[in-house]
Amino acid sequence: MRMSVRLNLPREVDSVPAVRRLLRCALTILRVDRQAGTDLEIALTEACANVVKHADGAEKFEVHLDVAEDRCSIDVVDDGSGFDPAAEAVPSATSERGRGLFLIRALAENVRMHSSPRSGSLIHFEKSFA
């Protein structure tokens, strides 16, 4: 079984838990390992929260979920101001911010980030299930 969903969401805080719940439901239906599911939920939450907080100029964003029994692929796309993925470093131990992209890289596989000033951003990540 496989589920594919494309969501157009308003760039607001309430969109983040809504898309996270949708992912959790899909993973539960497909009986995905709970730890792998939790990793994906955290990565998705971080990607969406970054859009809400940092995608200046964007009114909405898209989330593409492709969930199967053996893997999940997620894209988070916005048309905001963009960012420099190469400039993101490991956050300091005392910092209270700046862990989102670091967490996505740590919890997911095949992470790709593309961003252009004033053209928006794409964060793609996947997770394989044992």
Protein backbone atom coordinates (compact mmCIF):
# COMPACT_ATOMS: atom_id res chain seq x y z
CA MET A 1 0.00 0.00 0.00
CA ARG A 2 1.11 3.54 -0.69
CA MET A 3 -0.32 6.97 0.18
CA SER A 4 0.54 10.19 -1.59
CA VAL A 5 -0.76 13.54 -0.43
CA ARG A 6 -0.07 17.07 -1.62
CA LEU A 7 -1.11 19.81 0.78
CA ASN A 8 -1.34 23.54 0.21
CA LEU A 9 -1.18 25.13 3.63
CA PRO A 10 -1.36 28.67 4.94
CA ARG A 11 1.92 29.91 6.39
CA GLU A 12 0.68 29.93 9.95
CA VAL A 13 1.54 28.12 13.15
CA ASP A 14 -1.61 25.94 13.12
CA SER A 15 -0.51 24.30 9.86
CA VAL A 16 2.43 22.57 11.57
CA PRO A 17 0.52 20.24 13.95
CA ALA A 18 -2.11 19.58 11.27
CA VAL A 19 0.42 18.20 8.77
CA ARG A 20 2.21 16.31 11.52
CA ARG A 21 -1.05 14.56 12.53
CA LEU A 22 -1.71 13.63 8.90
CA LEU A 23 1.74 12.05 8.62
CA ARG A 24 1.24 10.20 11.92
CA CYS A 25 -2.10 8.79 10.69
CA ALA A 26 -0.56 7.58 7.42
CA LEU A 27 2.35 5.94 9.25
CA THR A 28 -0.01 4.26 11.71
CA ILE A 29 -2.23 2.89 8.95
CA LEU A 30 0.84 1.45 7.20
CA ARG A 31 2.16 0.08 10.52
CA VAL A 32 5.50 1.81 10.26
CA ASP A 33 7.97 1.30 13.12
CA ARG A 34 7.15 3.88 15.81
CA GLN A 35 10.74 5.15 16.20
CA ALA A 36 11.14 5.73 12.45
CA GLY A 37 7.77 7.46 12.46
CA THR A 38 8.77 9.71 15.34
CA ASP A 39 11.98 10.69 13.53
CA LEU A 40 9.93 11.67 10.47
CA GLU A 41 7.41 13.61 12.52
CA ILE A 42 10.20 15.63 14.15
CA ALA A 43 11.91 16.30 10.80
CA LEU A 44 8.62 17.35 9.20
CA THR A 45 7.78 19.58 12.16
CA GLU A 46 11.16 21.30 11.91
CA ALA A 47 10.87 21.83 8.14
CA CYS A 48 7.37 23.29 8.43
CA ALA A 49 8.24 25.42 11.47
CA ASN A 50 11.17 26.89 9.52
CA VAL A 51 8.79 27.93 6.74
CA VAL A 52 6.37 29.52 9.19
CA LYS A 53 9.14 31.39 10.96
CA HIS A 54 11.55 32.28 8.16
CA ALA A 55 9.88 32.22 4.71
CA ASP A 56 9.31 35.95 4.53
CA GLY A 57 7.05 36.92 1.66
CA ALA A 58 5.32 33.54 1.42
CA GLU A 59 1.62 33.35 2.22
CA LYS A 60 1.40 29.57 1.88
CA PHE A 61 3.57 26.50 1.48
CA GLU A 62 3.25 22.98 0.11
CA VAL A 63 3.97 19.64 1.71
CA HIS A 64 4.21 16.50 -0.41
CA LEU A 65 4.01 13.23 1.50
CA ASP A 66 4.68 9.93 -0.23
CA VAL A 67 4.36 7.15 2.33
CA ALA A 68 4.76 3.45 1.63
CA GLU A 69 5.32 0.42 3.84
CA ASP A 70 9.09 0.48 3.26
CA ARG A 71 9.87 4.20 2.89
CA CYS A 72 8.63 7.77 3.12
CA SER A 73 9.57 10.78 1.04
CA ILE A 74 8.71 14.34 2.06
CA ASP A 75 9.06 17.69 0.27
CA VAL A 76 8.38 21.04 1.94
CA VAL A 77 8.24 23.89 -0.58
CA ASP A 78 7.71 27.62 -0.16
CA ASP A 79 8.04 30.73 -2.31
CA GLY A 80 9.56 32.90 0.41
CA SER A 81 12.78 34.86 0.66
CA GLY A 82 15.07 31.80 0.67
CA PHE A 83 18.11 30.91 2.76
CA ASP A 84 21.67 29.70 2.26
CA PRO A 85 21.73 25.94 3.01
CA ALA A 86 25.55 25.94 2.89
CA ALA A 87 25.74 28.57 5.63
CA GLU A 88 23.93 26.37 8.15
CA ALA A 89 26.41 25.07 10.71
CA VAL A 90 26.17 22.79 13.70
CA PRO A 91 24.38 24.75 16.44
CA SER A 92 26.27 25.57 19.60
CA ALA A 93 25.38 23.65 22.74
CA THR A 94 24.14 26.83 24.42
CA SER A 95 22.02 28.09 21.53
CA GLU A 96 18.25 27.95 21.96
CA ARG A 97 17.67 28.25 18.21
CA GLY A 98 19.08 27.00 14.92
CA ARG A 99 18.64 23.26 15.32
CA GLY A 100 15.94 22.63 12.69
CA LEU A 101 18.06 21.82 9.64
CA PHE A 102 20.60 20.02 11.82
CA LEU A 103 17.81 17.77 13.19
CA ILE A 104 16.41 17.08 9.73
CA ARG A 105 19.86 15.98 8.53
CA ALA A 106 20.33 13.80 11.61
CA LEU A 107 16.92 12.11 11.55
CA ALA A 108 16.32 11.59 7.83
CA GLU A 109 18.09 10.23 4.74
CA ASN A 110 18.76 11.68 1.30
CA VAL A 111 18.32 15.22 2.59
CA ARG A 112 18.43 17.85 -0.14
CA MET A 113 17.94 21.56 0.27
CA HIS A 114 17.62 24.07 -2.50
CA SER A 115 16.97 27.75 -2.00
CA SER A 116 17.23 30.90 -4.05
CA PRO A 117 16.84 34.45 -2.79
CA ARG A 118 13.29 35.69 -3.48
CA SER A 119 12.46 32.38 -5.25
CA GLY A 120 11.75 30.15 -2.29
CA SER A 121 13.04 26.93 -0.88
CA LEU A 122 12.70 23.17 -1.13
CA ILE A 123 13.62 20.76 1.63
CA HIS A 124 13.47 17.10 0.60
CA PHE A 125 14.11 14.17 2.89
CA GLU A 126 13.37 10.46 3.06
CA LYS A 127 13.38 7.61 5.52
CA SER A 128 13.61 3.89 4.81
CA PHE A 129 11.86 1.47 7.14
CA ALA A 130 13.37 -1.84 8.19
